Amino acid sequence: MFRKSFMTILVTLFFGFFNLAFAKLQVITTQQAAQLLQNNKNVIVIDTRADKDYLNGHLPNAVNLTNAMLSVKRGDVVGLVSYNRQLEEKLSDFGLKENASYVVYSGENFDKPQFFLTNATRVAAILYWAGVKDIYYMDGGYQKWVDEGRPIAKGEFRLPKSNFVINRNRTTVFSFLPFVEWGLNHENLVQFVDARNYDQFTGKDTKDKRLARFGHLKDAKWVYVANFMQKEKNYWVIKPKSQIEQILKNADVDINKPIISYCNTGHLASGLWFIGQAMLDTKLVSDYDGSMAEISRVYNIPIIAK
């Protein structure tokens, strides 16, 4: 039984690699984003900030699209990625196309680097799951773009409604509950990394009522996603690859071994997923969709509070 399950994982990862063979996730500078927008007409820009911030100013022709707009509640669990048919409808309503390239960025959140990163990477994860080929995260976000005196627009920009079709989900994006349960029973094969702040990790912070229990998964490593970011002027950028590798090493995380990144809803967990794919050259990191909001309701799974 064990051998069969392990082989299933290997087959899944193999097809994930096949799907990704010609796809690209990349961190780019504001200058590179400007060049890409100037030279490639098949690029769609996604602004993942709150509506009020977007309306006050955004990159020209940027569509406002947030994790909340693409997520749903099923039962008592919030923040889940929509099923394919519903997701196709949502993406079509925003005029998105599966064969376009995307520049995704965030901003604001001056005192919350975790959201400066993951507001964009969670949307990137959903787009990649839906089969989008090339996604570029613009480092420094809207603030860096403005500081450099680049053009902006105000008000809402909308694309004509499209017909987005999900031909195949990419298997190296999300983990779901059955595989998470399997991983918890085979902890020598799968690592769990908790992306939340320390008080949430230990269970001291009990304010988030989306959770049924508080604390962390057994043997999970704690790597707060905000620690991947560094402040420059009035914006945040991702730390160099060498520093991120050291952060993971200090937390005893082996980047060459399968990792399930989780948080409260799968939002913060997308940060490590994106960095793993775009910077660390690994397809072994996945984002647990549902995260603690879901698994805290599975009462036969221990949650450690300390």
C-alpha atoms as a PDB file:
ATOM      1  CA  MET A   1       0.000   0.000   0.000  1.00  0.00           C
ATOM      2  CA  PHE A   2       2.828   2.378   0.928  1.00  0.00           C
ATOM      3  CA  ARG A   3       4.706   1.621  -2.290  1.00  0.00           C
ATOM      4  CA  LYS A   4       1.563   2.215  -4.359  1.00  0.00           C
ATOM      5  CA  SER A   5       0.908   5.575  -2.652  1.00  0.00           C
ATOM      6  CA  PHE A   6       4.487   6.719  -3.074  1.00  0.00           C
ATOM      7  CA  MET A   7       4.475   5.757  -6.747  1.00  0.00           C
ATOM      8  CA  THR A   8       1.253   7.752  -7.165  1.00  0.00           C
ATOM      9  CA  ILE A   9       3.042  10.832  -5.855  1.00  0.00           C
ATOM     10  CA  LEU A  10       5.963  10.268  -8.211  1.00  0.00           C
ATOM     11  CA  VAL A  11       3.626   9.936 -11.190  1.00  0.00           C
ATOM     12  CA  THR A  12       1.783  13.102 -10.154  1.00  0.00           C
ATOM     13  CA  LEU A  13       5.034  15.029  -9.880  1.00  0.00           C
ATOM     14  CA  PHE A  14       6.187  13.678 -13.260  1.00  0.00           C
ATOM     15  CA  PHE A  15       3.095  15.010 -14.979  1.00  0.00           C
ATOM     16  CA  GLY A  16       3.509  18.235 -13.063  1.00  0.00           C
ATOM     17  CA  PHE A  17       6.994  18.613 -14.519  1.00  0.00           C
ATOM     18  CA  PHE A  18       5.605  17.862 -17.990  1.00  0.00           C
ATOM     19  CA  ASN A  19       2.966  20.556 -17.581  1.00  0.00           C
ATOM     20  CA  LEU A  20       5.594  23.048 -16.494  1.00  0.00           C
ATOM     21  CA  ALA A  21       8.132  22.280 -19.194  1.00  0.00           C
ATOM     22  CA  PHE A  22       7.229  25.324 -21.241  1.00  0.00           C
ATOM     23  CA  ALA A  23       5.771  27.511 -18.497  1.00  0.00           C
ATOM     24  CA  LYS A  24       7.442  30.328 -16.628  1.00  0.00           C
ATOM     25  CA  LEU A  25       7.139  31.848 -13.179  1.00  0.00           C
ATOM     26  CA  GLN A  26       9.577  34.677 -12.648  1.00  0.00           C
ATOM     27  CA  VAL A  27      10.390  37.630 -10.412  1.00  0.00           C
ATOM     28  CA  ILE A  28      11.049  40.742 -12.507  1.00  0.00           C
ATOM     29  CA  THR A  29      12.007  44.347 -11.776  1.00  0.00           C
ATOM     30  CA  THR A  30       9.809  47.329 -12.555  1.00  0.00           C
ATOM     31  CA  GLN A  31      12.118  48.140 -15.455  1.00  0.00           C
ATOM     32  CA  GLN A  32      11.735  44.655 -16.884  1.00  0.00           C
ATOM     33  CA  ALA A  33       7.963  44.936 -16.460  1.00  0.00           C
ATOM     34  CA  ALA A  34       7.937  48.227 -18.368  1.00  0.00           C
ATOM     35  CA  GLN A  35       9.954  46.676 -21.197  1.00  0.00           C
ATOM     36  CA  LEU A  36       7.703  43.639 -21.299  1.00  0.00           C
ATOM     37  CA  LEU A  37       4.588  45.792 -21.531  1.00  0.00           C
ATOM     38  CA  GLN A  38       6.133  47.904 -24.278  1.00  0.00           C
ATOM     39  CA  ASN A  39       7.334  44.994 -26.413  1.00  0.00           C
ATOM     40  CA  ASN A  40       4.645  42.355 -25.947  1.00  0.00           C
ATOM     41  CA  LYS A  41       1.010  43.089 -26.744  1.00  0.00           C
ATOM     42  CA  ASN A  42      -0.192  39.742 -25.332  1.00  0.00           C
ATOM     43  CA  VAL A  43       0.423  40.739 -21.699  1.00  0.00           C
ATOM     44  CA  ILE A  44      -2.306  41.312 -19.121  1.00  0.00           C
ATOM     45  CA  VAL A  45      -1.501  43.306 -15.977  1.00  0.00           C
ATOM     46  CA  ILE A  46      -3.111  42.261 -12.687  1.00  0.00           C
ATOM     47  CA  ASP A  47      -3.271  44.646  -9.729  1.00  0.00           C
ATOM     48  CA  THR A  48      -4.001  42.614  -6.577  1.00  0.00           C
ATOM     49  CA  ARG A  49      -4.470  45.514  -4.134  1.00  0.00           C
ATOM     50  CA  ALA A  50      -7.667  46.558  -2.397  1.00  0.00           C
ATOM     51  CA  ASP A  51     -10.243  48.261  -4.590  1.00  0.00           C
ATOM     52  CA  LYS A  52      -9.827  51.721  -3.033  1.00  0.00           C
ATOM     53  CA  ASP A  53      -6.037  51.643  -3.572  1.00  0.00           C
ATOM     54  CA  TYR A  54      -6.423  50.408  -7.133  1.00  0.00           C
ATOM     55  CA  LEU A  55      -8.914  53.134  -8.056  1.00  0.00           C
ATOM     56  CA  ASN A  56      -6.548  55.838  -6.753  1.00  0.00           C
ATOM     57  CA  GLY A  57      -3.826  54.742  -9.154  1.00  0.00           C
ATOM     58  CA  HIS A  58      -2.518  51.660 -10.959  1.00  0.00           C
ATOM     59  CA  LEU A  59      -0.377  50.615 -13.902  1.00  0.00           C
ATOM     60  CA  PRO A  60      -1.953  51.523 -17.250  1.00  0.00           C
ATOM     61  CA  ASN A  61      -4.501  48.921 -18.392  1.00  0.00           C
ATOM     62  CA  ALA A  62      -4.212  46.968 -15.139  1.00  0.00           C
ATOM     63  CA  VAL A  63      -7.192  44.834 -14.082  1.00  0.00           C
ATOM     64  CA  ASN A  64      -8.023  44.726 -10.368  1.00  0.00           C
ATOM     65  CA  LEU A  65      -8.179  41.080  -9.276  1.00  0.00           C
ATOM     66  CA  THR A  66      -7.791  39.798  -5.724  1.00  0.00           C
ATOM     67  CA  ASN A  67      -7.707  36.427  -4.007  1.00  0.00           C
ATOM     68  CA  ALA A  68     -11.154  37.126  -2.535  1.00  0.00           C
ATOM     69  CA  MET A  69     -12.597  37.590  -6.024  1.00  0.00           C
ATOM     70  CA  LEU A  70     -11.354  34.149  -7.091  1.00  0.00           C
ATOM     71  CA  SER A  71     -12.047  32.201  -3.893  1.00  0.00           C
ATOM     72  CA  VAL A  72     -15.166  30.637  -2.430  1.00  0.00           C
ATOM     73  CA  LYS A  73     -16.557  29.274   0.822  1.00  0.00           C
ATOM     74  CA  ARG A  74     -17.528  25.597   0.985  1.00  0.00           C
ATOM     75  CA  GLY A  75     -19.239  24.552   4.165  1.00  0.00           C
ATOM     76  CA  ASP A  76     -17.457  26.259   7.043  1.00  0.00           C
ATOM     77  CA  VAL A  77     -14.165  26.625   5.146  1.00  0.00           C
ATOM     78  CA  VAL A  78     -13.385  29.972   3.543  1.00  0.00           C
ATOM     79  CA  GLY A  79     -10.784  31.082   1.013  1.00  0.00           C
ATOM     80  CA  LEU A  80     -10.835  27.975  -1.174  1.00  0.00           C
ATOM     81  CA  VAL A  81      -9.933  28.125  -4.845  1.00  0.00           C
ATOM     82  CA  SER A  82     -13.059  27.819  -6.985  1.00  0.00           C
ATOM     83  CA  TYR A  83     -13.833  24.608  -8.851  1.00  0.00           C
ATOM     84  CA  ASN A  84     -12.866  24.739 -12.510  1.00  0.00           C
ATOM     85  CA  ARG A  85     -16.226  25.635 -14.050  1.00  0.00           C
ATOM     86  CA  GLN A  86     -16.821  28.471 -11.605  1.00  0.00           C
ATOM     87  CA  LEU A  87     -13.213  29.605 -11.925  1.00  0.00           C
ATOM     88  CA  GLU A  88     -13.538  29.686 -15.711  1.00  0.00           C
ATOM     89  CA  GLU A  89     -16.574  31.949 -15.343  1.00  0.00           C
ATOM     90  CA  LYS A  90     -14.760  34.277 -12.958  1.00  0.00           C
ATOM     91  CA  LEU A  91     -11.660  34.545 -15.155  1.00  0.00           C
ATOM     92  CA  SER A  92     -13.815  35.064 -18.264  1.00  0.00           C
ATOM     93  CA  ASP A  93     -15.752  37.867 -16.547  1.00  0.00           C
ATOM     94  CA  PHE A  94     -12.446  39.681 -16.005  1.00  0.00           C
ATOM     95  CA  GLY A  95     -11.475  39.192 -19.654  1.00  0.00           C
ATOM     96  CA  LEU A  96      -8.515  36.940 -18.907  1.00  0.00           C
ATOM     97  CA  LYS A  97      -7.087  34.524 -21.477  1.00  0.00           C
ATOM     98  CA  GLU A  98      -5.285  31.254 -20.933  1.00  0.00           C
ATOM     99  CA  ASN A  99      -2.739  31.990 -23.692  1.00  0.00           C
ATOM    100  CA  ALA A 100      -1.715  35.450 -22.432  1.00  0.00           C
ATOM    101  CA  SER A 101       1.286  36.326 -20.261  1.00  0.00           C
ATOM    102  CA  TYR A 102       0.662  38.107 -16.965  1.00  0.00           C
ATOM    103  CA  VAL A 103       2.410  40.744 -14.865  1.00  0.00           C
ATOM    104  CA  VAL A 104       1.098  40.491 -11.306  1.00  0.00           C
ATOM    105  CA  TYR A 105       1.852  43.010  -8.571  1.00  0.00           C
ATOM    106  CA  SER A 106       0.675  44.252  -5.204  1.00  0.00           C
ATOM    107  CA  GLY A 107       1.544  47.207  -2.974  1.00  0.00           C
ATOM    108  CA  GLU A 108       0.365  49.308  -0.020  1.00  0.00           C
ATOM    109  CA  ASN A 109       0.603  47.203   3.191  1.00  0.00           C
ATOM    110  CA  PHE A 110       3.616  49.251   4.305  1.00  0.00           C
ATOM    111  CA  ASP A 111       3.735  47.502   7.675  1.00  0.00           C
ATOM    112  CA  LYS A 112       2.670  44.065   6.402  1.00  0.00           C
ATOM    113  CA  PRO A 113       5.296  42.630   4.066  1.00  0.00           C
ATOM    114  CA  GLN A 114       3.563  39.251   4.195  1.00  0.00           C
ATOM    115  CA  PHE A 115       0.637  40.683   2.233  1.00  0.00           C
ATOM    116  CA  PHE A 116       2.830  42.838  -0.020  1.00  0.00           C
ATOM    117  CA  LEU A 117       4.112  39.497  -1.334  1.00  0.00           C
ATOM    118  CA  THR A 118       1.219  37.077  -1.007  1.00  0.00           C
ATOM    119  CA  ASN A 119      -1.641  39.232  -2.278  1.00  0.00           C
ATOM    120  CA  ALA A 120       0.099  38.812  -5.633  1.00  0.00           C
ATOM    121  CA  THR A 121       1.456  35.260  -5.271  1.00  0.00           C
ATOM    122  CA  ARG A 122      -1.921  33.819  -4.261  1.00  0.00           C
ATOM    123  CA  VAL A 123      -3.511  35.236  -7.425  1.00  0.00           C
ATOM    124  CA  ALA A 124      -0.504  33.960  -9.377  1.00  0.00           C
ATOM    125  CA  ALA A 125      -1.036  30.501  -7.890  1.00  0.00           C
ATOM    126  CA  ILE A 126      -4.685  30.430  -8.960  1.00  0.00           C
ATOM    127  CA  LEU A 127      -3.836  31.618 -12.478  1.00  0.00           C
ATOM    128  CA  TYR A 128      -1.089  29.018 -12.767  1.00  0.00           C
ATOM    129  CA  TRP A 129      -3.439  26.318 -11.470  1.00  0.00           C
ATOM    130  CA  ALA A 130      -5.856  27.345 -14.225  1.00  0.00           C
ATOM    131  CA  GLY A 131      -3.201  26.759 -16.882  1.00  0.00           C
ATOM    132  CA  VAL A 132      -1.825  30.241 -17.544  1.00  0.00           C
ATOM    133  CA  LYS A 133       1.582  29.833 -19.129  1.00  0.00           C
ATOM    134  CA  ASP A 134       3.790  32.758 -18.069  1.00  0.00           C
ATOM    135  CA  ILE A 135       3.397  34.799 -14.878  1.00  0.00           C
ATOM    136  CA  TYR A 136       5.773  37.558 -13.775  1.00  0.00           C
ATOM    137  CA  TYR A 137       5.774  38.966 -10.239  1.00  0.00           C
ATOM    138  CA  MET A 138       6.779  42.648 -10.318  1.00  0.00           C
ATOM    139  CA  ASP A 139       9.116  43.119  -7.357  1.00  0.00           C
ATOM    140  CA  GLY A 140       8.602  46.315  -5.382  1.00  0.00           C
ATOM    141  CA  GLY A 141       5.000  46.578  -6.534  1.00  0.00           C
ATOM    142  CA  TYR A 142       3.049  49.706  -7.248  1.00  0.00           C
ATOM    143  CA  GLN A 143       5.082  51.926  -4.889  1.00  0.00           C
ATOM    144  CA  LYS A 144       8.357  51.215  -6.658  1.00  0.00           C
ATOM    145  CA  TRP A 145       6.717  51.842 -10.036  1.00  0.00           C
ATOM    146  CA  VAL A 146       5.469  55.242  -8.830  1.00  0.00           C
ATOM    147  CA  ASP A 147       8.785  56.182  -7.161  1.00  0.00           C
ATOM    148  CA  GLU A 148      10.496  55.718 -10.517  1.00  0.00           C
ATOM    149  CA  GLY A 149       8.114  58.164 -12.183  1.00  0.00           C
ATOM    150  CA  ARG A 150       6.502  55.603 -14.454  1.00  0.00           C
ATOM    151  CA  PRO A 151       3.033  56.227 -15.954  1.00  0.00           C
ATOM    152  CA  ILE A 152      -0.097  55.444 -13.971  1.00  0.00           C
ATOM    153  CA  ALA A 153      -3.830  55.485 -14.584  1.00  0.00           C
ATOM    154  CA  LYS A 154      -6.793  56.054 -12.267  1.00  0.00           C
ATOM    155  CA  GLY A 155     -10.264  54.601 -12.084  1.00  0.00           C
ATOM    156  CA  GLU A 156     -11.375  51.188 -13.238  1.00  0.00           C
ATOM    157  CA  PHE A 157     -10.027  49.455 -16.332  1.00  0.00           C
ATOM    158  CA  ARG A 158     -11.910  46.452 -17.677  1.00  0.00           C
ATOM    159  CA  LEU A 159     -11.162  44.022 -20.459  1.00  0.00           C
ATOM    160  CA  PRO A 160     -13.920  42.671 -22.723  1.00  0.00           C
ATOM    161  CA  LYS A 161     -15.389  39.436 -21.415  1.00  0.00           C
ATOM    162  CA  SER A 162     -13.483  36.411 -22.695  1.00  0.00           C
ATOM    163  CA  ASN A 163     -13.960  32.646 -22.836  1.00  0.00           C
ATOM    164  CA  PHE A 164     -11.305  31.284 -20.493  1.00  0.00           C
ATOM    165  CA  VAL A 165     -11.018  27.485 -20.733  1.00  0.00           C
ATOM    166  CA  ILE A 166      -9.099  25.364 -18.228  1.00  0.00           C
ATOM    167  CA  ASN A 167      -7.719  22.493 -20.258  1.00  0.00           C
ATOM    168  CA  ARG A 168      -5.696  20.958 -17.441  1.00  0.00           C
ATOM    169  CA  ASN A 169      -4.847  21.991 -13.906  1.00  0.00           C
ATOM    170  CA  ARG A 170      -1.159  22.173 -13.096  1.00  0.00           C
ATOM    171  CA  THR A 171      -0.406  19.599 -10.437  1.00  0.00           C
ATOM    172  CA  THR A 172       2.472  21.453  -8.765  1.00  0.00           C
ATOM    173  CA  VAL A 173       0.426  24.291  -7.289  1.00  0.00           C
ATOM    174  CA  PHE A 174      -2.024  23.162  -4.612  1.00  0.00           C
ATOM    175  CA  SER A 175      -2.204  20.344  -2.104  1.00  0.00           C
ATOM    176  CA  PHE A 176      -5.624  19.203  -0.961  1.00  0.00           C
ATOM    177  CA  LEU A 177      -6.779  17.448   2.186  1.00  0.00           C
ATOM    178  CA  PRO A 178      -6.309  13.783   1.121  1.00  0.00           C
ATOM    179  CA  PHE A 179      -2.657  14.334   0.224  1.00  0.00           C
ATOM    180  CA  VAL A 180      -2.114  16.471   3.333  1.00  0.00           C
ATOM    181  CA  GLU A 181      -3.460  13.643   5.499  1.00  0.00           C
ATOM    182  CA  TRP A 182      -1.197  11.210   3.673  1.00  0.00           C
ATOM    183  CA  GLY A 183       1.785  13.502   4.228  1.00  0.00           C
ATOM    184  CA  LEU A 184       1.082  13.788   7.950  1.00  0.00           C
ATOM    185  CA  ASN A 185       1.203  10.000   8.147  1.00  0.00           C
ATOM    186  CA  HIS A 186       4.472   9.878   6.190  1.00  0.00           C
ATOM    187  CA  GLU A 187       6.353  12.786   7.725  1.00  0.00           C
ATOM    188  CA  ASN A 188       9.700  11.291   6.701  1.00  0.00           C
ATOM    189  CA  LEU A 189       8.702  11.955   3.082  1.00  0.00           C
ATOM    190  CA  VAL A 190       6.863  15.296   3.298  1.00  0.00           C
ATOM    191  CA  GLN A 191       7.754  18.491   5.185  1.00  0.00           C
ATOM    192  CA  PHE A 192       5.127  20.909   6.494  1.00  0.00           C
ATOM    193  CA  VAL A 193       6.032  24.601   6.670  1.00  0.00           C
ATOM    194  CA  ASP A 194       3.822  27.045   8.592  1.00  0.00           C
ATOM    195  CA  ALA A 195       3.884  30.495   6.936  1.00  0.00           C
ATOM    196  CA  ARG A 196       2.040  32.417   9.692  1.00  0.00           C
ATOM    197  CA  ASN A 197       3.369  34.631  12.463  1.00  0.00           C
ATOM    198  CA  TYR A 198       4.688  33.008  15.623  1.00  0.00           C
ATOM    199  CA  ASP A 199       1.643  33.665  17.803  1.00  0.00           C
ATOM    200  CA  GLN A 200      -0.585  31.935  15.267  1.00  0.00           C
ATOM    201  CA  PHE A 201       1.906  29.090  14.926  1.00  0.00           C
ATOM    202  CA  THR A 202       1.958  28.452  18.683  1.00  0.00           C
ATOM    203  CA  GLY A 203      -1.779  28.904  19.114  1.00  0.00           C
ATOM    204  CA  LYS A 204      -1.422  31.927  21.368  1.00  0.00           C
ATOM    205  CA  ASP A 205      -3.366  34.048  18.877  1.00  0.00           C
ATOM    206  CA  THR A 206      -6.962  32.776  18.832  1.00  0.00           C
ATOM    207  CA  LYS A 207      -8.632  35.770  17.144  1.00  0.00           C
ATOM    208  CA  ASP A 208      -9.184  34.205  13.715  1.00  0.00           C
ATOM    209  CA  LYS A 209     -12.657  32.697  13.970  1.00  0.00           C
ATOM    210  CA  ARG A 210     -12.275  31.001  10.605  1.00  0.00           C
ATOM    211  CA  LEU A 211     -10.340  28.318  12.513  1.00  0.00           C
ATOM    212  CA  ALA A 212     -11.930  25.662  14.728  1.00  0.00           C
ATOM    213  CA  ARG A 213      -8.710  24.962  16.664  1.00  0.00           C
ATOM    214  CA  PHE A 214      -5.497  26.914  17.136  1.00  0.00           C
ATOM    215  CA  GLY A 215      -1.848  25.930  16.859  1.00  0.00           C
ATOM    216  CA  HIS A 216       0.173  24.105  14.199  1.00  0.00           C
ATOM    217  CA  LEU A 217       0.432  20.727  12.534  1.00  0.00           C
ATOM    218  CA  LYS A 218       2.610  18.116  14.185  1.00  0.00           C
ATOM    219  CA  ASP A 219       6.331  18.514  13.360  1.00  0.00           C
ATOM    220  CA  ALA A 220       5.674  21.570  11.163  1.00  0.00           C
ATOM    221  CA  LYS A 221       8.597  23.951  10.605  1.00  0.00           C
ATOM    222  CA  TRP A 222       7.947  27.624  11.263  1.00  0.00           C
ATOM    223  CA  VAL A 223       9.021  30.007   8.478  1.00  0.00           C
ATOM    224  CA  TYR A 224       7.107  33.290   8.609  1.00  0.00           C
ATOM    225  CA  VAL A 225       6.525  34.404   5.030  1.00  0.00           C
ATOM    226  CA  ALA A 226       7.220  38.064   5.940  1.00  0.00           C
ATOM    227  CA  ASN A 227      10.845  37.077   6.539  1.00  0.00           C
ATOM    228  CA  PHE A 228      11.313  36.618   2.793  1.00  0.00           C
ATOM    229  CA  MET A 229      10.910  40.374   2.302  1.00  0.00           C
ATOM    230  CA  GLN A 230      13.160  43.384   2.910  1.00  0.00           C
ATOM    231  CA  LYS A 231      12.235  47.083   3.038  1.00  0.00           C
ATOM    232  CA  GLU A 232      13.532  49.537   0.457  1.00  0.00           C
ATOM    233  CA  LYS A 233      12.286  53.129   0.732  1.00  0.00           C
ATOM    234  CA  ASN A 234       8.499  52.809   1.041  1.00  0.00           C
ATOM    235  CA  TYR A 235       8.092  49.395  -0.554  1.00  0.00           C
ATOM    236  CA  TRP A 236       9.128  45.783  -0.072  1.00  0.00           C
ATOM    237  CA  VAL A 237      11.220  43.528  -2.304  1.00  0.00           C
ATOM    238  CA  ILE A 238      12.029  39.827  -2.106  1.00  0.00           C
ATOM    239  CA  LYS A 239      15.353  39.057  -0.445  1.00  0.00           C
ATOM    240  CA  PRO A 240      18.162  37.587  -2.554  1.00  0.00           C
ATOM    241  CA  LYS A 241      18.074  33.867  -3.238  1.00  0.00           C
ATOM    242  CA  SER A 242      21.046  33.169  -0.955  1.00  0.00           C
ATOM    243  CA  GLN A 243      19.302  34.794   2.019  1.00  0.00           C
ATOM    244  CA  ILE A 244      16.095  32.863   1.423  1.00  0.00           C
ATOM    245  CA  GLU A 245      18.052  29.621   1.211  1.00  0.00           C
ATOM    246  CA  GLN A 246      19.673  30.476   4.550  1.00  0.00           C
ATOM    247  CA  ILE A 247      16.277  31.230   6.137  1.00  0.00           C
ATOM    248  CA  LEU A 248      15.034  27.810   5.086  1.00  0.00           C
ATOM    249  CA  LYS A 249      18.233  26.098   6.195  1.00  0.00           C
ATOM    250  CA  ASN A 250      17.993  27.747   9.619  1.00  0.00           C
ATOM    251  CA  ALA A 251      14.470  26.349   9.937  1.00  0.00           C
ATOM    252  CA  ASP A 252      15.718  22.869   8.967  1.00  0.00           C
ATOM    253  CA  VAL A 253      13.740  22.895   5.712  1.00  0.00           C
ATOM    254  CA  ASP A 254      15.211  20.815   2.885  1.00  0.00           C
ATOM    255  CA  ILE A 255      14.265  22.460  -0.408  1.00  0.00           C
ATOM    256  CA  ASN A 256      15.029  19.204  -2.245  1.00  0.00           C
ATOM    257  CA  LYS A 257      12.329  17.311  -0.345  1.00  0.00           C
ATOM    258  CA  PRO A 258       8.552  17.737  -0.897  1.00  0.00           C
ATOM    259  CA  ILE A 259       7.102  20.666   1.088  1.00  0.00           C
ATOM    260  CA  ILE A 260       3.492  21.516   1.878  1.00  0.00           C
ATOM    261  CA  SER A 261       3.238  25.186   2.794  1.00  0.00           C
ATOM    262  CA  TYR A 262       0.206  26.163   4.855  1.00  0.00           C
ATOM    263  CA  CYS A 263      -1.282  29.094   6.788  1.00  0.00           C
ATOM    264  CA  ASN A 264      -4.873  29.893   7.799  1.00  0.00           C
ATOM    265  CA  THR A 265      -6.486  29.778   4.340  1.00  0.00           C
ATOM    266  CA  GLY A 266      -3.706  29.121   1.791  1.00  0.00           C
ATOM    267  CA  HIS A 267      -3.081  32.839   1.182  1.00  0.00           C
ATOM    268  CA  LEU A 268       0.238  33.347   3.017  1.00  0.00           C
ATOM    269  CA  ALA A 269       1.301  29.831   2.061  1.00  0.00           C
ATOM    270  CA  SER A 270       1.462  30.889  -1.590  1.00  0.00           C
ATOM    271  CA  GLY A 271       4.595  32.945  -0.853  1.00  0.00           C
ATOM    272  CA  LEU A 272       6.870  29.956  -0.347  1.00  0.00           C
ATOM    273  CA  TRP A 273       5.210  28.164  -3.259  1.00  0.00           C
ATOM    274  CA  PHE A 274       5.999  31.035  -5.624  1.00  0.00           C
ATOM    275  CA  ILE A 275       9.527  31.597  -4.335  1.00  0.00           C
ATOM    276  CA  GLY A 276      10.235  27.889  -4.604  1.00  0.00           C
ATOM    277  CA  GLN A 277       9.128  27.789  -8.226  1.00  0.00           C
ATOM    278  CA  ALA A 278      10.437  31.160  -9.392  1.00  0.00           C
ATOM    279  CA  MET A 279      13.699  31.503  -7.453  1.00  0.00           C
ATOM    280  CA  LEU A 280      14.766  28.170  -5.958  1.00  0.00           C
ATOM    281  CA  ASP A 281      14.171  26.067  -9.079  1.00  0.00           C
ATOM    282  CA  THR A 282      12.045  23.475  -7.308  1.00  0.00           C
ATOM    283  CA  LYS A 283       8.608  22.116  -8.149  1.00  0.00           C
ATOM    284  CA  LEU A 284       8.386  20.310  -4.802  1.00  0.00           C
ATOM    285  CA  VAL A 285       6.618  23.106  -2.891  1.00  0.00           C
ATOM    286  CA  SER A 286       2.819  23.202  -2.851  1.00  0.00           C
ATOM    287  CA  ASP A 287       0.254  25.535  -1.285  1.00  0.00           C
ATOM    288  CA  TYR A 288      -2.294  23.760   0.936  1.00  0.00           C
ATOM    289  CA  ASP A 289      -5.626  25.139  -0.219  1.00  0.00           C
ATOM    290  CA  GLY A 290      -7.858  25.335   2.825  1.00  0.00           C
ATOM    291  CA  SER A 291      -4.963  25.161   5.293  1.00  0.00           C
ATOM    292  CA  MET A 292      -5.835  25.546   8.993  1.00  0.00           C
ATOM    293  CA  ALA A 293      -9.376  26.745   8.237  1.00  0.00           C
ATOM    294  CA  GLU A 294     -10.025  23.278   6.863  1.00  0.00           C
ATOM    295  CA  ILE A 295      -7.783  20.916   8.770  1.00  0.00           C
ATOM    296  CA  SER A 296      -8.583  22.417  12.165  1.00  0.00           C
ATOM    297  CA  ARG A 297     -12.042  20.888  11.612  1.00  0.00           C
ATOM    298  CA  VAL A 298     -10.645  17.389  11.032  1.00  0.00           C
ATOM    299  CA  TYR A 299     -10.634  16.367  14.666  1.00  0.00           C
ATOM    300  CA  ASN A 300      -8.644  13.138  14.348  1.00  0.00           C
ATOM    301  CA  ILE A 301      -5.627  15.197  13.215  1.00  0.00           C
ATOM    302  CA  PRO A 302      -3.658  16.624  16.152  1.00  0.00           C
ATOM    303  CA  ILE A 303      -3.104  20.369  16.363  1.00  0.00           C
ATOM    304  CA  ILE A 304      -0.173  21.363  18.557  1.00  0.00           C
ATOM    305  CA  ALA A 305      -0.605  24.500  20.693  1.00  0.00           C
ATOM    306  CA  LYS A 306       2.652  25.539  22.373  1.00  0.00           C
END
